[in-house]
Amino acid sequence: MTNLNILKYTLRIFGVAFIFIVPMMKLDPLGGWAWTPSQWEYEMMIQGIYMTMGLMMIISAQNPLKNSMFIWFVVWSSFVHGGIMAYQAIIDSHEMGHFLGDIPALFILGLIAGYTLRKEEKNLLTDSY
């Protein structure tokens, strides 16, 4: 499987997961997706942002190199968001379940998408010479 195919599948899988974040936050069996205390205004905002980002990830999977700026946004925002949540979970012991849920998910997305996109961009530059 090529880096481009891995990137496309990653964008589609995480895109679908982001679209279905609402039920994941509501069910939350391990305490790794929703924060306490529940704040419906915050949750609605996060769900709307992630659902939109998920849809855009699925669309960008059709031509990742053409949409690389958006994908780099996904990569870096995932690292920043995951890092902030990791810090918050460390200082609030009630939130340690996030180390089994959304924190690793964001870092995995950032690592896979960033690595494969970088490889493809490098190949594109090499091939153009």
Protein backbone atom coordinates (compact mmCIF):
# COMPACT_ATOMS: atom_id res chain seq x y z
CA MET A 1 0.00 0.00 0.00
CA THR A 2 1.37 3.42 -0.93
CA ASN A 3 1.69 6.42 1.37
CA LEU A 4 -1.01 8.15 -0.67
CA ASN A 5 -3.44 5.28 -0.12
CA ILE A 6 -2.67 5.22 3.61
CA LEU A 7 -3.30 8.97 3.75
CA LYS A 8 -6.61 8.64 1.88
CA TYR A 9 -7.80 5.83 4.16
CA THR A 10 -6.69 7.71 7.27
CA LEU A 11 -8.61 10.82 6.21
CA ARG A 12 -11.73 8.79 5.44
CA ILE A 13 -11.66 6.70 8.63
CA PHE A 14 -11.02 9.64 10.94
CA GLY A 15 -13.43 11.77 8.91
CA VAL A 16 -16.24 9.30 9.56
CA ALA A 17 -15.21 9.07 13.24
CA PHE A 18 -15.31 12.87 13.54
CA ILE A 19 -18.77 12.98 11.96
CA PHE A 20 -19.99 10.43 14.49
CA ILE A 21 -18.36 12.14 17.47
CA VAL A 22 -21.77 13.03 18.92
CA PRO A 23 -22.69 9.44 19.88
CA MET A 24 -19.10 8.77 21.00
CA MET A 25 -19.29 11.69 23.42
CA LYS A 26 -22.73 10.63 24.65
CA LEU A 27 -21.97 6.94 25.23
CA ASP A 28 -18.43 7.45 26.59
CA PRO A 29 -18.07 4.04 28.33
CA LEU A 30 -14.40 4.54 29.38
CA GLY A 31 -14.59 8.23 30.17
CA GLY A 32 -12.27 9.00 27.28
CA TRP A 33 -14.42 11.21 25.05
CA ALA A 34 -16.46 13.62 27.18
CA TRP A 35 -15.22 15.95 29.89
CA THR A 36 -16.87 16.52 33.24
CA PRO A 37 -18.90 18.28 34.26
CA SER A 38 -20.98 18.11 31.10
CA GLN A 39 -21.42 21.49 29.39
CA TRP A 40 -23.89 21.22 26.53
CA GLU A 41 -22.89 24.59 25.02
CA TYR A 42 -19.23 23.56 24.79
CA GLU A 43 -20.09 20.06 23.60
CA MET A 44 -22.36 21.34 20.83
CA MET A 45 -19.63 23.70 19.61
CA ILE A 46 -16.96 20.96 19.62
CA GLN A 47 -19.31 18.50 17.92
CA GLY A 48 -20.13 21.02 15.18
CA ILE A 49 -16.47 21.78 14.54
CA TYR A 50 -15.47 18.11 14.46
CA MET A 51 -18.38 17.09 12.25
CA THR A 52 -17.44 19.82 9.77
CA MET A 53 -13.77 18.87 9.90
CA GLY A 54 -14.71 15.21 9.38
CA LEU A 55 -16.74 16.02 6.27
CA MET A 56 -13.88 18.12 4.89
CA MET A 57 -11.41 15.30 5.61
CA ILE A 58 -13.53 12.89 3.57
CA ILE A 59 -13.73 15.39 0.70
CA SER A 60 -9.98 16.14 0.85
CA ALA A 61 -9.21 12.40 0.69
CA GLN A 62 -10.19 12.48 -2.99
CA ASN A 63 -7.09 14.56 -3.79
CA PRO A 64 -4.89 14.98 -0.71
CA LEU A 65 -2.05 16.78 -2.44
CA LYS A 66 -4.41 19.42 -3.79
CA ASN A 67 -5.81 19.85 -0.26
CA SER A 68 -2.52 19.65 1.61
CA MET A 69 -2.94 22.98 3.44
CA PHE A 70 -6.16 21.73 5.04
CA ILE A 71 -4.56 18.39 5.90
CA TRP A 72 -1.61 20.16 7.54
CA PHE A 73 -4.17 22.12 9.57
CA VAL A 74 -5.72 18.81 10.67
CA VAL A 75 -2.26 17.46 11.58
CA TRP A 76 -1.10 20.43 13.64
CA SER A 77 -4.47 21.17 15.24
CA SER A 78 -4.67 17.51 16.30
CA PHE A 79 -1.27 17.72 18.00
CA VAL A 80 -2.17 21.00 19.72
CA HIS A 81 -5.61 19.80 20.80
CA GLY A 82 -4.26 16.44 22.01
CA GLY A 83 -1.44 18.16 23.89
CA ILE A 84 -3.77 20.56 25.66
CA MET A 85 -6.11 17.73 26.59
CA ALA A 86 -3.19 15.63 27.86
CA TYR A 87 -2.09 18.50 30.10
CA GLN A 88 -5.66 18.97 31.38
CA ALA A 89 -6.04 15.23 32.05
CA ILE A 90 -2.76 15.15 33.98
CA ILE A 91 -3.75 17.99 36.28
CA ASP A 92 -7.30 16.63 36.80
CA SER A 93 -7.11 12.97 37.82
CA HIS A 94 -10.84 12.48 37.07
CA GLU A 95 -10.05 12.96 33.37
CA MET A 96 -7.34 10.26 33.03
CA GLY A 97 -9.71 8.18 30.86
CA HIS A 98 -8.93 10.54 28.00
CA PHE A 99 -5.57 8.82 27.68
CA LEU A 100 -7.61 5.82 26.42
CA GLY A 101 -9.85 7.85 24.10
CA ASP A 102 -9.54 11.16 22.33
CA ILE A 103 -5.92 12.01 23.24
CA PRO A 104 -4.30 9.00 21.50
CA ALA A 105 -6.81 9.28 18.64
CA LEU A 106 -5.69 12.84 17.90
CA PHE A 107 -1.98 11.96 18.12
CA ILE A 108 -2.44 8.90 15.88
CA LEU A 109 -4.29 11.01 13.30
CA GLY A 110 -1.59 13.69 13.40
CA LEU A 111 1.26 11.19 13.09
CA ILE A 112 -0.18 9.12 10.25
CA ALA A 113 -1.55 12.03 8.23
CA GLY A 114 1.56 14.17 8.76
CA TYR A 115 4.02 11.39 7.92
CA THR A 116 2.23 10.17 4.81
CA LEU A 117 1.49 13.67 3.49
CA ARG A 118 5.12 14.71 3.99
CA LYS A 119 6.29 11.62 2.10
CA GLU A 120 3.90 12.33 -0.77
CA GLU A 121 4.89 16.00 -0.97
CA LYS A 122 8.56 14.95 -1.01
CA ASN A 123 7.85 12.43 -3.80
CA LEU A 124 6.03 15.11 -5.78
CA LEU A 125 9.06 17.42 -5.55
CA THR A 126 11.45 14.60 -6.49
CA ASP A 127 9.31 13.54 -9.45
CA SER A 128 9.05 17.08 -10.81
CA TYR A 129 12.83 17.34 -11.38
